């Protein structure tokens, strides 16, 4: 994502800031057995191009966005999930 900010007030010095925001999401969905499935999604974000360096909220450490185990009960439509969604 590319973000461009511009300040056009008369009492402020000319300033402009263009920042490139990076977001990464990796996911893995595995069917271990007909009744057992797992899902993991990792997420991280950062930015580049800001004058004066990054602000504290512009970066995030890699984090578990989603992660769960799913058990499907045989001969039913019931699915049990445990984890973070």
PDB file of N, CA and C in Angstrom:
ATOM      1  N   UNK A   1       0.852  -1.152   0.000  1.00  0.00           N
ATOM      2  CA  UNK A   1       0.000   0.000   0.000  1.00  0.00           C
ATOM      3  C   UNK A   1       0.906   1.225   0.000  1.00  0.00           C
ATOM      4  N   UNK A   2       0.585   2.219  -0.790  1.00  0.00           N
ATOM      5  CA  UNK A   2       1.333   3.466  -0.835  1.00  0.00           C
ATOM      6  C   UNK A   2       0.450   4.564  -0.265  1.00  0.00           C
ATOM      7  N   UNK A   3       0.967   5.282   0.719  1.00  0.00           N
ATOM      8  CA  UNK A   3       0.210   6.346   1.389  1.00  0.00           C
ATOM      9  C   UNK A   3       0.947   7.658   1.185  1.00  0.00           C
ATOM     10  N   UNK A   4       0.236   8.704   0.793  1.00  0.00           N
ATOM     11  CA  UNK A   4       0.851  10.013   0.583  1.00  0.00           C
ATOM     12  C   UNK A   4       0.068  11.053   1.373  1.00  0.00           C
ATOM     13  N   UNK A   5       0.766  11.793   2.225  1.00  0.00           N
ATOM     14  CA  UNK A   5       0.155  12.837   3.040  1.00  0.00           C
ATOM     15  C   UNK A   5       0.746  14.169   2.634  1.00  0.00           C
ATOM     16  N   UNK A   6      -0.073  15.206   2.598  1.00  0.00           N
ATOM     17  CA  UNK A   6       0.405  16.529   2.240  1.00  0.00           C
ATOM     18  C   UNK A   6      -0.261  17.555   3.145  1.00  0.00           C
ATOM     19  N   UNK A   7       0.504  18.530   3.634  1.00  0.00           N
ATOM     20  CA  UNK A   7      -0.011  19.570   4.521  1.00  0.00           C
ATOM     21  C   UNK A   7      -0.083  20.876   3.740  1.00  0.00           C
ATOM     22  N   UNK A   8      -1.296  21.389   3.538  1.00  0.00           N
ATOM     23  CA  UNK A   8      -1.486  22.598   2.734  1.00  0.00           C
ATOM     24  C   UNK A   8      -1.975  23.783   3.558  1.00  0.00           C
ATOM     25  N   UNK A   9      -1.694  23.840   4.855  1.00  0.00           N
ATOM     26  CA  UNK A   9      -2.127  24.967   5.675  1.00  0.00           C
ATOM     27  C   UNK A   9      -1.181  26.146   5.463  1.00  0.00           C
ATOM     28  N   UNK A  10      -1.696  27.367   5.560  1.00  0.00           N
ATOM     29  CA  UNK A  10      -0.882  28.563   5.348  1.00  0.00           C
ATOM     30  C   UNK A  10       0.135  28.777   6.455  1.00  0.00           C
ATOM     31  N   UNK A  11      -0.175  28.357   7.690  1.00  0.00           N
ATOM     32  CA  UNK A  11       0.731  28.604   8.809  1.00  0.00           C
ATOM     33  C   UNK A  11       1.766  27.493   9.010  1.00  0.00           C
ATOM     34  N   UNK A  12       1.766  26.465   8.162  1.00  0.00           N
ATOM     35  CA  UNK A  12       2.705  25.359   8.317  1.00  0.00           C
ATOM     36  C   UNK A  12       3.728  25.386   7.187  1.00  0.00           C
ATOM     37  N   UNK A  13       4.955  24.962   7.487  1.00  0.00           N
ATOM     38  CA  UNK A  13       5.954  24.877   6.421  1.00  0.00           C
ATOM     39  C   UNK A  13       5.552  23.786   5.426  1.00  0.00           C
ATOM     40  N   UNK A  14       6.075  23.894   4.210  1.00  0.00           N
ATOM     41  CA  UNK A  14       5.769  22.870   3.203  1.00  0.00           C
ATOM     42  C   UNK A  14       6.254  21.523   3.711  1.00  0.00           C
ATOM     43  N   UNK A  15       5.358  20.569   3.714  1.00  0.00           N
ATOM     44  CA  UNK A  15       5.745  19.227   4.128  1.00  0.00           C
ATOM     45  C   UNK A  15       4.940  18.221   3.327  1.00  0.00           C
ATOM     46  N   UNK A  16       5.576  17.131   3.039  1.00  0.00           N
ATOM     47  CA  UNK A  16       4.948  16.046   2.303  1.00  0.00           C
ATOM     48  C   UNK A  16       5.598  14.760   2.775  1.00  0.00           C
ATOM     49  N   UNK A  17       4.846  13.704   2.880  1.00  0.00           N
ATOM     50  CA  UNK A  17       5.384  12.442   3.365  1.00  0.00           C
ATOM     51  C   UNK A  17       4.758  11.306   2.569  1.00  0.00           C
ATOM     52  N   UNK A  18       5.572  10.572   1.848  1.00  0.00           N
ATOM     53  CA  UNK A  18       5.106   9.396   1.118  1.00  0.00           C
ATOM     54  C   UNK A  18       5.706   8.179   1.792  1.00  0.00           C
ATOM     55  N   UNK A  19       4.864   7.206   2.129  1.00  0.00           N
ATOM     56  CA  UNK A  19       5.281   6.042   2.901  1.00  0.00           C
ATOM     57  C   UNK A  19       4.790   4.786   2.193  1.00  0.00           C
ATOM     58  N   UNK A  20       5.644   3.776   2.135  1.00  0.00           N
ATOM     59  CA  UNK A  20       5.264   2.485   1.586  1.00  0.00           C
ATOM     60  C   UNK A  20       5.009   1.527   2.747  1.00  0.00           C
ATOM     61  N   UNK A  21       3.806   0.994   2.830  1.00  0.00           N
ATOM     62  CA  UNK A  21       3.429   0.075   3.906  1.00  0.00           C
ATOM     63  C   UNK A  21       3.500  -1.359   3.391  1.00  0.00           C
ATOM     64  N   UNK A  22       4.156  -2.243   4.145  1.00  0.00           N
ATOM     65  CA  UNK A  22       4.313  -3.639   3.766  1.00  0.00           C
ATOM     66  C   UNK A  22       3.516  -4.498   4.741  1.00  0.00           C
ATOM     67  N   UNK A  23       2.769  -5.446   4.203  1.00  0.00           N
ATOM     68  CA  UNK A  23       2.018  -6.375   5.054  1.00  0.00           C
ATOM     69  C   UNK A  23       2.229  -7.777   4.505  1.00  0.00           C
ATOM     70  N   UNK A  24       2.574  -8.713   5.376  1.00  0.00           N
ATOM     71  CA  UNK A  24       2.844 -10.085   4.971  1.00  0.00           C
ATOM     72  C   UNK A  24       1.973 -11.028   5.790  1.00  0.00           C
ATOM     73  N   UNK A  25       1.317 -11.927   5.087  1.00  0.00           N
ATOM     74  CA  UNK A  25       0.533 -12.970   5.761  1.00  0.00           C
ATOM     75  C   UNK A  25       0.871 -14.308   5.134  1.00  0.00           C
ATOM     76  N   UNK A  26       1.233 -15.250   5.971  1.00  0.00           N
ATOM     77  CA  UNK A  26       1.526 -16.605   5.536  1.00  0.00           C
ATOM     78  C   UNK A  26       0.547 -17.548   6.212  1.00  0.00           C
ATOM     79  N   UNK A  27       0.011 -18.480   5.434  1.00  0.00           N
ATOM     80  CA  UNK A  27      -0.936 -19.421   6.043  1.00  0.00           C
ATOM     81  C   UNK A  27      -0.638 -20.840   5.579  1.00  0.00           C
ATOM     82  N   UNK A  28      -1.000 -21.782   6.427  1.00  0.00           N
ATOM     83  CA  UNK A  28      -0.829 -23.202   6.156  1.00  0.00           C
ATOM     84  C   UNK A  28      -2.085 -23.917   6.621  1.00  0.00           C
ATOM     85  N   UNK A  29      -2.727 -24.612   5.700  1.00  0.00           N
ATOM     86  CA  UNK A  29      -3.957 -25.359   5.977  1.00  0.00           C
ATOM     87  C   UNK A  29      -3.665 -26.821   5.662  1.00  0.00           C
ATOM     88  N   UNK A  30      -3.717 -27.684   6.678  1.00  0.00           N
ATOM     89  CA  UNK A  30      -3.339 -29.087   6.496  1.00  0.00           C
ATOM     90  C   UNK A  30      -4.466 -30.004   6.947  1.00  0.00           C
ATOM     91  N   UNK A  31      -4.807 -30.954   6.077  1.00  0.00           N
ATOM     92  CA  UNK A  31      -5.792 -31.987   6.400  1.00  0.00           C
ATOM     93  C   UNK A  31      -4.995 -33.231   6.782  1.00  0.00           C
ATOM     94  N   UNK A  32      -4.873 -33.507   8.087  1.00  0.00           N
ATOM     95  CA  UNK A  32      -4.056 -34.614   8.577  1.00  0.00           C
ATOM     96  C   UNK A  32      -4.744 -35.965   8.409  1.00  0.00           C
ATOM     97  N   UNK A  33      -6.038 -35.934   8.517  1.00  0.00           N
ATOM     98  CA  UNK A  33      -6.860 -37.159   8.489  1.00  0.00           C
ATOM     99  C   UNK A  33      -8.248 -36.697   8.059  1.00  0.00           C
ATOM    100  N   UNK A  34      -9.096 -37.560   7.567  1.00  0.00           N
ATOM    101  CA  UNK A  34     -10.433 -37.094   7.173  1.00  0.00           C
ATOM    102  C   UNK A  34     -11.205 -36.368   8.287  1.00  0.00           C
ATOM    103  N   UNK A  35     -10.827 -36.600   9.549  1.00  0.00           N
ATOM    104  CA  UNK A  35     -11.546 -35.943  10.648  1.00  0.00           C
ATOM    105  C   UNK A  35     -10.711 -34.874  11.366  1.00  0.00           C
ATOM    106  N   UNK A  36      -9.432 -34.701  10.995  1.00  0.00           N
ATOM    107  CA  UNK A  36      -8.554 -33.779  11.706  1.00  0.00           C
ATOM    108  C   UNK A  36      -7.881 -32.806  10.733  1.00  0.00           C
ATOM    109  N   UNK A  37      -8.023 -31.521  11.021  1.00  0.00           N
ATOM    110  CA  UNK A  37      -7.466 -30.460  10.180  1.00  0.00           C
ATOM    111  C   UNK A  37      -6.812 -29.407  11.077  1.00  0.00           C
ATOM    112  N   UNK A  38      -5.735 -28.778  10.592  1.00  0.00           N
ATOM    113  CA  UNK A  38      -5.120 -27.673  11.319  1.00  0.00           C
ATOM    114  C   UNK A  38      -4.954 -26.481  10.381  1.00  0.00           C
ATOM    115  N   UNK A  39      -4.975 -25.284  10.966  1.00  0.00           N
ATOM    116  CA  UNK A  39      -4.812 -24.053  10.197  1.00  0.00           C
ATOM    117  C   UNK A  39      -3.971 -23.079  11.012  1.00  0.00           C
ATOM    118  N   UNK A  40      -2.952 -22.501  10.370  1.00  0.00           N
ATOM    119  CA  UNK A  40      -2.070 -21.521  11.018  1.00  0.00           C
ATOM    120  C   UNK A  40      -1.894 -20.349  10.068  1.00  0.00           C
ATOM    121  N   UNK A  41      -2.029 -19.128  10.579  1.00  0.00           N
ATOM    122  CA  UNK A  41      -1.799 -17.920   9.785  1.00  0.00           C
ATOM    123  C   UNK A  41      -0.935 -16.961  10.601  1.00  0.00           C
ATOM    124  N   UNK A  42       0.222 -16.585  10.033  1.00  0.00           N
ATOM    125  CA  UNK A  42       1.130 -15.638  10.657  1.00  0.00           C
ATOM    126  C   UNK A  42       1.023 -14.303   9.922  1.00  0.00           C
ATOM    127  N   UNK A  43       1.176 -13.202  10.641  1.00  0.00           N
ATOM    128  CA  UNK A  43       1.067 -11.870  10.040  1.00  0.00           C
ATOM    129  C   UNK A  43       2.151 -10.963  10.608  1.00  0.00           C
ATOM    130  N   UNK A  44       2.655 -10.052   9.750  1.00  0.00           N
ATOM    131  CA  UNK A  44       3.621  -9.039  10.171  1.00  0.00           C
ATOM    132  C   UNK A  44       3.471  -7.840   9.247  1.00  0.00           C
ATOM    133  N   UNK A  45       3.842  -6.655   9.735  1.00  0.00           N
ATOM    134  CA  UNK A  45       3.768  -5.456   8.898  1.00  0.00           C
ATOM    135  C   UNK A  45       4.888  -4.496   9.272  1.00  0.00           C
ATOM    136  N   UNK A  46       5.268  -3.654   8.311  1.00  0.00           N
ATOM    137  CA  UNK A  46       6.284  -2.626   8.522  1.00  0.00           C
ATOM    138  C   UNK A  46       6.101  -1.552   7.457  1.00  0.00           C
ATOM    139  N   UNK A  47       6.890  -0.502   7.533  1.00  0.00           N
ATOM    140  CA  UNK A  47       6.805   0.580   6.549  1.00  0.00           C
ATOM    141  C   UNK A  47       8.201   1.053   6.209  1.00  0.00           C
ATOM    142  N   UNK A  48       8.323   1.727   5.083  1.00  0.00           N
ATOM    143  CA  UNK A  48       9.596   2.338   4.711  1.00  0.00           C
ATOM    144  C   UNK A  48       9.323   3.664   4.017  1.00  0.00           C
ATOM    145  N   UNK A  49      10.267   4.587   4.138  1.00  0.00           N
ATOM    146  CA  UNK A  49      10.163   5.855   3.438  1.00  0.00           C
ATOM    147  C   UNK A  49       9.749   7.041   4.280  1.00  0.00           C
ATOM    148  N   UNK A  50       9.469   6.875   5.558  1.00  0.00           N
ATOM    149  CA  UNK A  50       9.043   7.995   6.402  1.00  0.00           C
ATOM    150  C   UNK A  50      10.256   8.818   6.813  1.00  0.00           C
ATOM    151  N   UNK A  51      10.177  10.148   6.636  1.00  0.00           N
ATOM    152  CA  UNK A  51      11.244  11.037   7.075  1.00  0.00           C
ATOM    153  C   UNK A  51      11.407  10.921   8.586  1.00  0.00           C
ATOM    154  N   UNK A  52      12.626  10.759   9.045  1.00  0.00           N
ATOM    155  CA  UNK A  52      12.864  10.661  10.481  1.00  0.00           C
ATOM    156  C   UNK A  52      12.743   9.253  11.019  1.00  0.00           C
ATOM    157  N   UNK A  53      12.509   8.279  10.170  1.00  0.00           N
ATOM    158  CA  UNK A  53      12.427   6.890  10.621  1.00  0.00           C
ATOM    159  C   UNK A  53      11.012   6.463  10.951  1.00  0.00           C
ATOM    160  N   UNK A  54      10.889   5.240  11.385  1.00  0.00           N
ATOM    161  CA  UNK A  54       9.590   4.634  11.664  1.00  0.00           C
ATOM    162  C   UNK A  54       8.979   5.154  12.956  1.00  0.00           C
ATOM    163  N   UNK A  55       7.664   5.306  12.951  1.00  0.00           N
ATOM    164  CA  UNK A  55       6.934   5.567  14.187  1.00  0.00           C
ATOM    165  C   UNK A  55       6.728   4.229  14.905  1.00  0.00           C
ATOM    166  N   UNK A  56       6.456   4.269  16.183  1.00  0.00           N
ATOM    167  CA  UNK A  56       6.319   3.041  16.963  1.00  0.00           C
ATOM    168  C   UNK A  56       5.217   2.123  16.436  1.00  0.00           C
ATOM    169  N   UNK A  57       4.135   2.711  15.954  1.00  0.00           N
ATOM    170  CA  UNK A  57       3.004   1.911  15.498  1.00  0.00           C
ATOM    171  C   UNK A  57       3.138   1.463  14.048  1.00  0.00           C
ATOM    172  N   UNK A  58       4.222   1.833  13.366  1.00  0.00           N
ATOM    173  CA  UNK A  58       4.400   1.470  11.966  1.00  0.00           C
ATOM    174  C   UNK A  58       4.919   0.060  11.764  1.00  0.00           C
ATOM    175  N   UNK A  59       5.353  -0.603  12.827  1.00  0.00           N
ATOM    176  CA  UNK A  59       5.916  -1.942  12.719  1.00  0.00           C
ATOM    177  C   UNK A  59       5.193  -2.887  13.662  1.00  0.00           C
ATOM    178  N   UNK A  60       5.110  -4.135  13.256  1.00  0.00           N
ATOM    179  CA  UNK A  60       4.598  -5.153  14.163  1.00  0.00           C
ATOM    180  C   UNK A  60       5.477  -6.389  14.048  1.00  0.00           C
ATOM    181  N   UNK A  61       5.738  -7.027  15.149  1.00  0.00           N
ATOM    182  CA  UNK A  61       6.497  -8.276  15.147  1.00  0.00           C
ATOM    183  C   UNK A  61       5.620  -9.374  14.552  1.00  0.00           C
ATOM    184  N   UNK A  62       6.224 -10.418  13.977  1.00  0.00           N
ATOM    185  CA  UNK A  62       5.404 -11.531  13.491  1.00  0.00           C
ATOM    186  C   UNK A  62       4.498 -12.045  14.609  1.00  0.00           C
ATOM    187  N   UNK A  63       3.262 -12.316  14.250  1.00  0.00           N
ATOM    188  CA  UNK A  63       2.249 -12.668  15.239  1.00  0.00           C
ATOM    189  C   UNK A  63       1.372 -13.780  14.685  1.00  0.00           C
ATOM    190  N   UNK A  64       0.842 -14.594  15.558  1.00  0.00           N
ATOM    191  CA  UNK A  64      -0.123 -15.610  15.169  1.00  0.00           C
ATOM    192  C   UNK A  64      -1.480 -14.941  14.999  1.00  0.00           C
ATOM    193  N   UNK A  65      -1.914 -14.764  13.750  1.00  0.00           N
ATOM    194  CA  UNK A  65      -3.205 -14.144  13.486  1.00  0.00           C
ATOM    195  C   UNK A  65      -4.335 -15.147  13.728  1.00  0.00           C
ATOM    196  N   UNK A  66      -4.151 -16.376  13.245  1.00  0.00           N
ATOM    197  CA  UNK A  66      -5.115 -17.440  13.466  1.00  0.00           C
ATOM    198  C   UNK A  66      -4.359 -18.748  13.639  1.00  0.00           C
ATOM    199  N   UNK A  67      -4.897 -19.618  14.433  1.00  0.00           N
ATOM    200  CA  UNK A  67      -4.331 -20.950  14.590  1.00  0.00           C
ATOM    201  C   UNK A  67      -5.322 -21.832  15.316  1.00  0.00           C
ATOM    202  N   UNK A  68      -5.705 -22.939  14.690  1.00  0.00           N
ATOM    203  CA  UNK A  68      -6.664 -23.813  15.356  1.00  0.00           C
ATOM    204  C   UNK A  68      -6.566 -25.243  14.836  1.00  0.00           C
ATOM    205  N   UNK A  69      -7.073 -26.166  15.632  1.00  0.00           N
ATOM    206  CA  UNK A  69      -7.288 -27.549  15.243  1.00  0.00           C
ATOM    207  C   UNK A  69      -8.784 -27.754  15.095  1.00  0.00           C
ATOM    208  N   UNK A  70      -9.153 -28.482  14.072  1.00  0.00           N
ATOM    209  CA  UNK A  70     -10.582 -28.736  13.817  1.00  0.00           C
ATOM    210  C   UNK A  70     -10.806 -30.244  13.774  1.00  0.00           C
ATOM    211  N   UNK A  71     -11.752 -30.703  14.552  1.00  0.00           N
ATOM    212  CA  UNK A  71     -12.120 -32.113  14.595  1.00  0.00           C
ATOM    213  C   UNK A  71     -13.544 -32.246  14.080  1.00  0.00           C
ATOM    214  N   UNK A  72     -13.728 -33.067  13.039  1.00  0.00           N
ATOM    215  CA  UNK A  72     -15.056 -33.320  12.487  1.00  0.00           C
ATOM    216  C   UNK A  72     -15.533 -34.661  13.030  1.00  0.00           C
ATOM    217  N   UNK A  73     -16.690 -34.661  13.667  1.00  0.00           N
ATOM    218  CA  UNK A  73     -17.222 -35.906  14.206  1.00  0.00           C
ATOM    219  C   UNK A  73     -17.748 -36.766  13.058  1.00  0.00           C
ATOM    220  N   UNK A  74     -17.325 -38.040  13.015  1.00  0.00           N
ATOM    221  CA  UNK A  74     -17.739 -38.913  11.914  1.00  0.00           C
ATOM    222  C   UNK A  74     -19.261 -39.064  11.839  1.00  0.00           C
ATOM    223  N   UNK A  75     -19.756 -39.159  10.623  1.00  0.00           N
ATOM    224  CA  UNK A  75     -21.184 -39.387  10.333  1.00  0.00           C
ATOM    225  C   UNK A  75     -22.084 -38.261  10.834  1.00  0.00           C
ATOM    226  N   UNK A  76     -21.528 -37.062  11.072  1.00  0.00           N
ATOM    227  CA  UNK A  76     -22.328 -35.905  11.466  1.00  0.00           C
ATOM    228  C   UNK A  76     -21.776 -34.680  10.744  1.00  0.00           C
ATOM    229  N   UNK A  77     -22.475 -33.582  10.881  1.00  0.00           N
ATOM    230  CA  UNK A  77     -22.008 -32.316  10.321  1.00  0.00           C
ATOM    231  C   UNK A  77     -21.380 -31.449  11.415  1.00  0.00           C
ATOM    232  N   UNK A  78     -21.058 -32.049  12.562  1.00  0.00           N
ATOM    233  CA  UNK A  78     -20.527 -31.313  13.703  1.00  0.00           C
ATOM    234  C   UNK A  78     -19.004 -31.181  13.576  1.00  0.00           C
ATOM    235  N   UNK A  79     -18.528 -29.944  13.728  1.00  0.00           N
ATOM    236  CA  UNK A  79     -17.094 -29.670  13.714  1.00  0.00           C
ATOM    237  C   UNK A  79     -16.735 -28.941  15.000  1.00  0.00           C
ATOM    238  N   UNK A  80     -15.684 -29.392  15.674  1.00  0.00           N
ATOM    239  CA  UNK A  80     -15.212 -28.757  16.895  1.00  0.00           C
ATOM    240  C   UNK A  80     -13.881 -28.089  16.588  1.00  0.00           C
ATOM    241  N   UNK A  81     -13.756 -26.813  16.979  1.00  0.00           N
ATOM    242  CA  UNK A  81     -12.519 -26.067  16.758  1.00  0.00           C
ATOM    243  C   UNK A  81     -11.975 -25.565  18.085  1.00  0.00           C
ATOM    244  N   UNK A  82     -10.662 -25.649  18.227  1.00  0.00           N
ATOM    245  CA  UNK A  82      -9.981 -25.114  19.402  1.00  0.00           C
ATOM    246  C   UNK A  82      -8.781 -24.318  18.918  1.00  0.00           C
ATOM    247  N   UNK A  83      -8.662 -23.076  19.397  1.00  0.00           N
ATOM    248  CA  UNK A  83      -7.532 -22.256  19.002  1.00  0.00           C
ATOM    249  C   UNK A  83      -7.906 -20.791  18.942  1.00  0.00           C
ATOM    250  N   UNK A  84      -7.157 -20.063  18.133  1.00  0.00           N
ATOM    251  CA  UNK A  84      -7.354 -18.609  17.992  1.00  0.00           C
ATOM    252  C   UNK A  84      -7.870 -18.303  16.601  1.00  0.00           C
ATOM    253  N   UNK A  85      -9.027 -17.634  16.566  1.00  0.00           N
ATOM    254  CA  UNK A  85      -9.624 -17.262  15.284  1.00  0.00           C
ATOM    255  C   UNK A  85      -9.875 -15.794  15.256  1.00  0.00           C
TER     256      UNK A  85
END
